Amino acid sequence: MMNVDVLGQSMAEQLEQILWTARSAGSSLIVSRSQHPDTIGMMMREGLVRERLGHLVLTPKGHARRRKCAPY
């Protein structure tokens, strides 16, 4: 069974949404903690994001995954 949230999004769709809504903060991309807590947890376990100064930032692995799912 596929993990689907109340809006009908699969975890893969949630992951793409989170990656593409990351905001720029200098040379870092910051992810909002309020988006899909289960998916954020999975991203931390897989090493796509890490905590830095109280923020969740994309790791090099997260940046690569973001480029991989680019819509263009």
PDB file of N, CA and C in Angstrom:
ATOM      1  N   MET A   1       0.836  -1.178   0.000  1.00  0.00           N
ATOM      2  CA  MET A   1       0.000   0.000   0.000  1.00  0.00           C
ATOM      3  C   MET A   1       0.883   1.245   0.000  1.00  0.00           C
ATOM      4  N   MET A   2       0.514   2.224  -0.816  1.00  0.00           N
ATOM      5  CA  MET A   2       1.274   3.450  -0.939  1.00  0.00           C
ATOM      6  C   MET A   2       0.908   4.408   0.194  1.00  0.00           C
ATOM      7  N   ASN A   3       1.912   5.097   0.734  1.00  0.00           N
ATOM      8  CA  ASN A   3       1.673   6.082   1.781  1.00  0.00           C
ATOM      9  C   ASN A   3       1.078   7.338   1.154  1.00  0.00           C
ATOM     10  N   VAL A   4      -0.177   7.669   1.495  1.00  0.00           N
ATOM     11  CA  VAL A   4      -0.878   8.815   0.921  1.00  0.00           C
ATOM     12  C   VAL A   4      -1.408   9.677   2.056  1.00  0.00           C
ATOM     13  N   ASP A   5      -1.261  11.011   1.918  1.00  0.00           N
ATOM     14  CA  ASP A   5      -1.754  11.908   2.965  1.00  0.00           C
ATOM     15  C   ASP A   5      -3.212  12.277   2.716  1.00  0.00           C
ATOM     16  N   VAL A   6      -3.754  13.161   3.549  1.00  0.00           N
ATOM     17  CA  VAL A   6      -5.165  13.533   3.454  1.00  0.00           C
ATOM     18  C   VAL A   6      -5.488  14.265   2.159  1.00  0.00           C
ATOM     19  N   LEU A   7      -4.499  14.855   1.498  1.00  0.00           N
ATOM     20  CA  LEU A   7      -4.730  15.535   0.226  1.00  0.00           C
ATOM     21  C   LEU A   7      -4.567  14.593  -0.962  1.00  0.00           C
ATOM     22  N   GLY A   8      -4.295  13.315  -0.674  1.00  0.00           N
ATOM     23  CA  GLY A   8      -4.154  12.330  -1.730  1.00  0.00           C
ATOM     24  C   GLY A   8      -2.782  12.315  -2.379  1.00  0.00           C
ATOM     25  N   GLN A   9      -1.793  12.926  -1.735  1.00  0.00           N
ATOM     26  CA  GLN A   9      -0.445  12.943  -2.289  1.00  0.00           C
ATOM     27  C   GLN A   9       0.351  11.745  -1.791  1.00  0.00           C
ATOM     28  N   SER A  10       1.078  11.114  -2.694  1.00  0.00           N
ATOM     29  CA  SER A  10       1.975  10.034  -2.282  1.00  0.00           C
ATOM     30  C   SER A  10       3.213  10.648  -1.635  1.00  0.00           C
ATOM     31  N   MET A  11       3.987   9.832  -0.934  1.00  0.00           N
ATOM     32  CA  MET A  11       5.204  10.339  -0.299  1.00  0.00           C
ATOM     33  C   MET A  11       6.170  10.880  -1.353  1.00  0.00           C
ATOM     34  N   ALA A  12       6.228  10.254  -2.527  1.00  0.00           N
ATOM     35  CA  ALA A  12       7.105  10.740  -3.600  1.00  0.00           C
ATOM     36  C   ALA A  12       6.675  12.139  -4.047  1.00  0.00           C
ATOM     37  N   GLU A  13       5.357  12.357  -4.162  1.00  0.00           N
ATOM     38  CA  GLU A  13       4.851  13.683  -4.538  1.00  0.00           C
ATOM     39  C   GLU A  13       5.143  14.703  -3.443  1.00  0.00           C
ATOM     40  N   GLN A  14       4.997  14.288  -2.189  1.00  0.00           N
ATOM     41  CA  GLN A  14       5.301  15.177  -1.072  1.00  0.00           C
ATOM     42  C   GLN A  14       6.777  15.552  -1.084  1.00  0.00           C
ATOM     43  N   LEU A  15       7.638  14.567  -1.347  1.00  0.00           N
ATOM     44  CA  LEU A  15       9.076  14.803  -1.391  1.00  0.00           C
ATOM     45  C   LEU A  15       9.411  15.838  -2.460  1.00  0.00           C
ATOM     46  N   GLU A  16       8.866  15.669  -3.663  1.00  0.00           N
ATOM     47  CA  GLU A  16       9.111  16.635  -4.736  1.00  0.00           C
ATOM     48  C   GLU A  16       8.632  18.024  -4.340  1.00  0.00           C
ATOM     49  N   GLN A  17       7.440  18.095  -3.744  1.00  0.00           N
ATOM     50  CA  GLN A  17       6.902  19.390  -3.328  1.00  0.00           C
ATOM     51  C   GLN A  17       7.825  20.056  -2.307  1.00  0.00           C
ATOM     52  N   ILE A  18       8.289  19.300  -1.340  1.00  0.00           N
ATOM     53  CA  ILE A  18       9.176  19.847  -0.308  1.00  0.00           C
ATOM     54  C   ILE A  18      10.480  20.323  -0.937  1.00  0.00           C
ATOM     55  N   LEU A  19      11.060  19.512  -1.814  1.00  0.00           N
ATOM     56  CA  LEU A  19      12.322  19.890  -2.448  1.00  0.00           C
ATOM     57  C   LEU A  19      12.176  21.169  -3.268  1.00  0.00           C
ATOM     58  N   TRP A  20      11.068  21.299  -3.989  1.00  0.00           N
ATOM     59  CA  TRP A  20      10.893  22.472  -4.848  1.00  0.00           C
ATOM     60  C   TRP A  20      10.419  23.704  -4.106  1.00  0.00           C
ATOM     61  N   THR A  21       9.939  23.574  -2.878  1.00  0.00           N
ATOM     62  CA  THR A  21       9.530  24.759  -2.117  1.00  0.00           C
ATOM     63  C   THR A  21      10.593  25.186  -1.121  1.00  0.00           C
ATOM     64  N   ALA A  22      11.747  24.508  -1.127  1.00  0.00           N
ATOM     65  CA  ALA A  22      12.855  24.920  -0.254  1.00  0.00           C
ATOM     66  C   ALA A  22      13.246  26.346  -0.625  1.00  0.00           C
ATOM     67  N   ARG A  23      13.460  27.175   0.386  1.00  0.00           N
ATOM     68  CA  ARG A  23      13.790  28.575   0.104  1.00  0.00           C
ATOM     69  C   ARG A  23      15.284  28.816   0.292  1.00  0.00           C
ATOM     70  N   SER A  24      15.772  29.739  -0.483  1.00  0.00           N
ATOM     71  CA  SER A  24      17.193  30.057  -0.462  1.00  0.00           C
ATOM     72  C   SER A  24      17.528  30.931   0.733  1.00  0.00           C
ATOM     73  N   ALA A  25      18.614  30.590   1.410  1.00  0.00           N
ATOM     74  CA  ALA A  25      19.133  31.387   2.527  1.00  0.00           C
ATOM     75  C   ALA A  25      20.648  31.409   2.366  1.00  0.00           C
ATOM     76  N   GLY A  26      21.125  32.369   1.615  1.00  0.00           N
ATOM     77  CA  GLY A  26      22.545  32.393   1.294  1.00  0.00           C
ATOM     78  C   GLY A  26      22.857  31.237   0.367  1.00  0.00           C
ATOM     79  N   SER A  27      23.817  30.414   0.749  1.00  0.00           N
ATOM     80  CA  SER A  27      24.176  29.268  -0.087  1.00  0.00           C
ATOM     81  C   SER A  27      23.399  28.008   0.291  1.00  0.00           C
ATOM     82  N   SER A  28      22.488  28.120   1.259  1.00  0.00           N
ATOM     83  CA  SER A  28      21.707  26.967   1.731  1.00  0.00           C
ATOM     84  C   SER A  28      20.277  27.024   1.224  1.00  0.00           C
ATOM     85  N   LEU A  29      19.662  25.865   1.128  1.00  0.00           N
ATOM     86  CA  LEU A  29      18.234  25.773   0.857  1.00  0.00           C
ATOM     87  C   LEU A  29      17.574  25.240   2.115  1.00  0.00           C
ATOM     88  N   ILE A  30      16.622  26.004   2.645  1.00  0.00           N
ATOM     89  CA  ILE A  30      15.958  25.664   3.904  1.00  0.00           C
ATOM     90  C   ILE A  30      14.585  25.068   3.621  1.00  0.00           C
ATOM     91  N   VAL A  31      14.268  24.017   4.344  1.00  0.00           N
ATOM     92  CA  VAL A  31      12.995  23.310   4.214  1.00  0.00           C
ATOM     93  C   VAL A  31      12.121  23.661   5.414  1.00  0.00           C
ATOM     94  N   SER A  32      10.835  23.887   5.174  1.00  0.00           N
ATOM     95  CA  SER A  32       9.896  24.193   6.248  1.00  0.00           C
ATOM     96  C   SER A  32       9.561  22.936   7.042  1.00  0.00           C
ATOM     97  N   ARG A  33       9.617  23.040   8.354  1.00  0.00           N
ATOM     98  CA  ARG A  33       9.273  21.903   9.227  1.00  0.00           C
ATOM     99  C   ARG A  33       7.772  21.595   9.206  1.00  0.00           C
ATOM    100  N   SER A  34       6.961  22.552   8.790  1.00  0.00           N
ATOM    101  CA  SER A  34       5.507  22.371   8.849  1.00  0.00           C
ATOM    102  C   SER A  34       4.969  21.506   7.709  1.00  0.00           C
ATOM    103  N   GLN A  35       5.783  21.194   6.719  1.00  0.00           N
ATOM    104  CA  GLN A  35       5.322  20.395   5.587  1.00  0.00           C
ATOM    105  C   GLN A  35       5.462  18.903   5.871  1.00  0.00           C
ATOM    106  N   HIS A  36       4.424  18.152   5.738  1.00  0.00           N
ATOM    107  CA  HIS A  36       4.435  16.689   5.771  1.00  0.00           C
ATOM    108  C   HIS A  36       5.472  16.100   6.736  1.00  0.00           C
ATOM    109  N   PRO A  37       5.210  16.105   8.036  1.00  0.00           N
ATOM    110  CA  PRO A  37       6.179  15.634   9.035  1.00  0.00           C
ATOM    111  C   PRO A  37       6.740  14.233   8.766  1.00  0.00           C
ATOM    112  N   ASP A  38       5.925  13.319   8.274  1.00  0.00           N
ATOM    113  CA  ASP A  38       6.421  11.963   7.989  1.00  0.00           C
ATOM    114  C   ASP A  38       7.466  11.984   6.876  1.00  0.00           C
ATOM    115  N   THR A  39       7.210  12.785   5.850  1.00  0.00           N
ATOM    116  CA  THR A  39       8.151  12.882   4.736  1.00  0.00           C
ATOM    117  C   THR A  39       9.428  13.579   5.174  1.00  0.00           C
ATOM    118  N   ILE A  40       9.312  14.616   6.004  1.00  0.00           N
ATOM    119  CA  ILE A  40      10.496  15.303   6.539  1.00  0.00           C
ATOM    120  C   ILE A  40      11.334  14.300   7.341  1.00  0.00           C
ATOM    121  N   GLY A  41      10.688  13.469   8.151  1.00  0.00           N
ATOM    122  CA  GLY A  41      11.391  12.441   8.918  1.00  0.00           C
ATOM    123  C   GLY A  41      12.125  11.467   8.015  1.00  0.00           C
ATOM    124  N   MET A  42      11.469  11.050   6.937  1.00  0.00           N
ATOM    125  CA  MET A  42      12.095  10.148   5.970  1.00  0.00           C
ATOM    126  C   MET A  42      13.294  10.831   5.317  1.00  0.00           C
ATOM    127  N   MET A  43      13.164  12.118   4.998  1.00  0.00           N
ATOM    128  CA  MET A  43      14.265  12.865   4.378  1.00  0.00           C
ATOM    129  C   MET A  43      15.467  12.945   5.322  1.00  0.00           C
ATOM    130  N   MET A  44      15.205  13.103   6.618  1.00  0.00           N
ATOM    131  CA  MET A  44      16.299  13.152   7.590  1.00  0.00           C
ATOM    132  C   MET A  44      16.984  11.786   7.688  1.00  0.00           C
ATOM    133  N   ARG A  45      16.182  10.717   7.731  1.00  0.00           N
ATOM    134  CA  ARG A  45      16.754   9.367   7.821  1.00  0.00           C
ATOM    135  C   ARG A  45      17.590   9.023   6.589  1.00  0.00           C
ATOM    136  N   GLU A  46      17.165   9.504   5.419  1.00  0.00           N
ATOM    137  CA  GLU A  46      17.890   9.217   4.175  1.00  0.00           C
ATOM    138  C   GLU A  46      19.046  10.181   3.931  1.00  0.00           C
ATOM    139  N   GLY A  47      19.203  11.172   4.794  1.00  0.00           N
ATOM    140  CA  GLY A  47      20.316  12.108   4.646  1.00  0.00           C
ATOM    141  C   GLY A  47      20.098  13.193   3.612  1.00  0.00           C
ATOM    142  N   LEU A  48      18.830  13.472   3.272  1.00  0.00           N
ATOM    143  CA  LEU A  48      18.539  14.529   2.303  1.00  0.00           C
ATOM    144  C   LEU A  48      18.525  15.907   2.959  1.00  0.00           C
ATOM    145  N   VAL A  49      18.195  15.951   4.253  1.00  0.00           N
ATOM    146  CA  VAL A  49      18.226  17.198   5.019  1.00  0.00           C
ATOM    147  C   VAL A  49      18.929  16.940   6.346  1.00  0.00           C
ATOM    148  N   ARG A  50      19.439  18.017   6.925  1.00  0.00           N
ATOM    149  CA  ARG A  50      20.035  17.928   8.260  1.00  0.00           C
ATOM    150  C   ARG A  50      19.689  19.205   9.000  1.00  0.00           C
ATOM    151  N   GLU A  51      19.836  19.152  10.299  1.00  0.00           N
ATOM    152  CA  GLU A  51      19.546  20.314  11.122  1.00  0.00           C
ATOM    153  C   GLU A  51      20.803  21.163  11.246  1.00  0.00           C
ATOM    154  N   ARG A  52      20.652  22.473  11.025  1.00  0.00           N
ATOM    155  CA  ARG A  52      21.769  23.395  11.200  1.00  0.00           C
ATOM    156  C   ARG A  52      21.227  24.708  11.758  1.00  0.00           C
ATOM    157  N   LEU A  53      21.712  25.077  12.928  1.00  0.00           N
ATOM    158  CA  LEU A  53      21.285  26.309  13.605  1.00  0.00           C
ATOM    159  C   LEU A  53      19.767  26.389  13.742  1.00  0.00           C
ATOM    160  N   GLY A  54      19.138  25.249  14.024  1.00  0.00           N
ATOM    161  CA  GLY A  54      17.697  25.212  14.233  1.00  0.00           C
ATOM    162  C   GLY A  54      16.870  25.134  12.966  1.00  0.00           C
ATOM    163  N   HIS A  55      17.518  25.073  11.814  1.00  0.00           N
ATOM    164  CA  HIS A  55      16.811  24.989  10.537  1.00  0.00           C
ATOM    165  C   HIS A  55      17.095  23.643   9.887  1.00  0.00           C
ATOM    166  N   LEU A  56      16.206  23.219   9.004  1.00  0.00           N
ATOM    167  CA  LEU A  56      16.439  22.028   8.195  1.00  0.00           C
ATOM    168  C   LEU A  56      16.988  22.487   6.853  1.00  0.00           C
ATOM    169  N   VAL A  57      18.194  22.069   6.522  1.00  0.00           N
ATOM    170  CA  VAL A  57      18.815  22.470   5.264  1.00  0.00           C
ATOM    171  C   VAL A  57      19.091  21.239   4.406  1.00  0.00           C
ATOM    172  N   LEU A  58      19.029  21.437   3.095  1.00  0.00           N
ATOM    173  CA  LEU A  58      19.335  20.340   2.184  1.00  0.00           C
ATOM    174  C   LEU A  58      20.819  20.017   2.250  1.00  0.00           C
ATOM    175  N   THR A  59      21.124  18.743   2.258  1.00  0.00           N
ATOM    176  CA  THR A  59      22.507  18.263   2.209  1.00  0.00           C
ATOM    177  C   THR A  59      22.911  18.176   0.731  1.00  0.00           C
ATOM    178  N   PRO A  60      24.182  17.912   0.443  1.00  0.00           N
ATOM    179  CA  PRO A  60      24.563  17.696  -0.961  1.00  0.00           C
ATOM    180  C   PRO A  60      23.719  16.591  -1.623  1.00  0.00           C
ATOM    181  N   LYS A  61      23.411  15.545  -0.858  1.00  0.00           N
ATOM    182  CA  LYS A  61      22.551  14.472  -1.374  1.00  0.00           C
ATOM    183  C   LYS A  61      21.149  15.015  -1.676  1.00  0.00           C
ATOM    184  N   GLY A  62      20.637  15.912  -0.825  1.00  0.00           N
ATOM    185  CA  GLY A  62      19.337  16.537  -1.044  1.00  0.00           C
ATOM    186  C   GLY A  62      19.329  17.430  -2.273  1.00  0.00           C
ATOM    187  N   HIS A  63      20.429  18.175  -2.474  1.00  0.00           N
ATOM    188  CA  HIS A  63      20.551  19.019  -3.670  1.00  0.00           C
ATOM    189  C   HIS A  63      20.530  18.163  -4.932  1.00  0.00           C
ATOM    190  N   ALA A  64      21.248  17.046  -4.902  1.00  0.00           N
ATOM    191  CA  ALA A  64      21.282  16.146  -6.059  1.00  0.00           C
ATOM    192  C   ALA A  64      19.893  15.589  -6.344  1.00  0.00           C
ATOM    193  N   ARG A  65      19.178  15.201  -5.301  1.00  0.00           N
ATOM    194  CA  ARG A  65      17.815  14.665  -5.463  1.00  0.00           C
ATOM    195  C   ARG A  65      16.883  15.737  -6.011  1.00  0.00           C
ATOM    196  N   ARG A  66      17.067  16.985  -5.574  1.00  0.00           N
ATOM    197  CA  ARG A  66      16.250  18.107  -6.061  1.00  0.00           C
ATOM    198  C   ARG A  66      16.479  18.305  -7.557  1.00  0.00           C
ATOM    199  N   ARG A  67      17.737  18.272  -7.994  1.00  0.00           N
ATOM    200  CA  ARG A  67      18.049  18.424  -9.422  1.00  0.00           C
ATOM    201  C   ARG A  67      17.475  17.262 -10.232  1.00  0.00           C
ATOM    202  N   LYS A  68      17.515  16.075  -9.653  1.00  0.00           N
ATOM    203  CA  LYS A  68      17.037  14.863 -10.335  1.00  0.00           C
ATOM    204  C   LYS A  68      15.536  14.925 -10.633  1.00  0.00           C
ATOM    205  N   CYS A  69      14.767  15.545  -9.761  1.00  0.00           N
ATOM    206  CA  CYS A  69      13.313  15.591  -9.966  1.00  0.00           C
ATOM    207  C   CYS A  69      12.875  16.908 -10.606  1.00  0.00           C
ATOM    208  N   ALA A  70      13.818  17.628 -11.227  1.00  0.00           N
ATOM    209  CA  ALA A  70      13.490  18.901 -11.882  1.00  0.00           C
ATOM    210  C   ALA A  70      12.450  18.679 -12.976  1.00  0.00           C
ATOM    211  N   PRO A  71      11.456  19.564 -13.050  1.00  0.00           N
ATOM    212  CA  PRO A  71      10.406  19.409 -14.056  1.00  0.00           C
ATOM    213  C   PRO A  71      10.849  19.804 -15.465  1.00  0.00           C
ATOM    214  N   TYR A  72      12.050  20.289 -15.617  1.00  0.00           N
ATOM    215  CA  TYR A  72      12.529  20.714 -16.945  1.00  0.00           C
ATOM    216  C   TYR A  72      13.820  20.032 -17.306  1.00  0.00           C
TER     217      TYR A  72
END
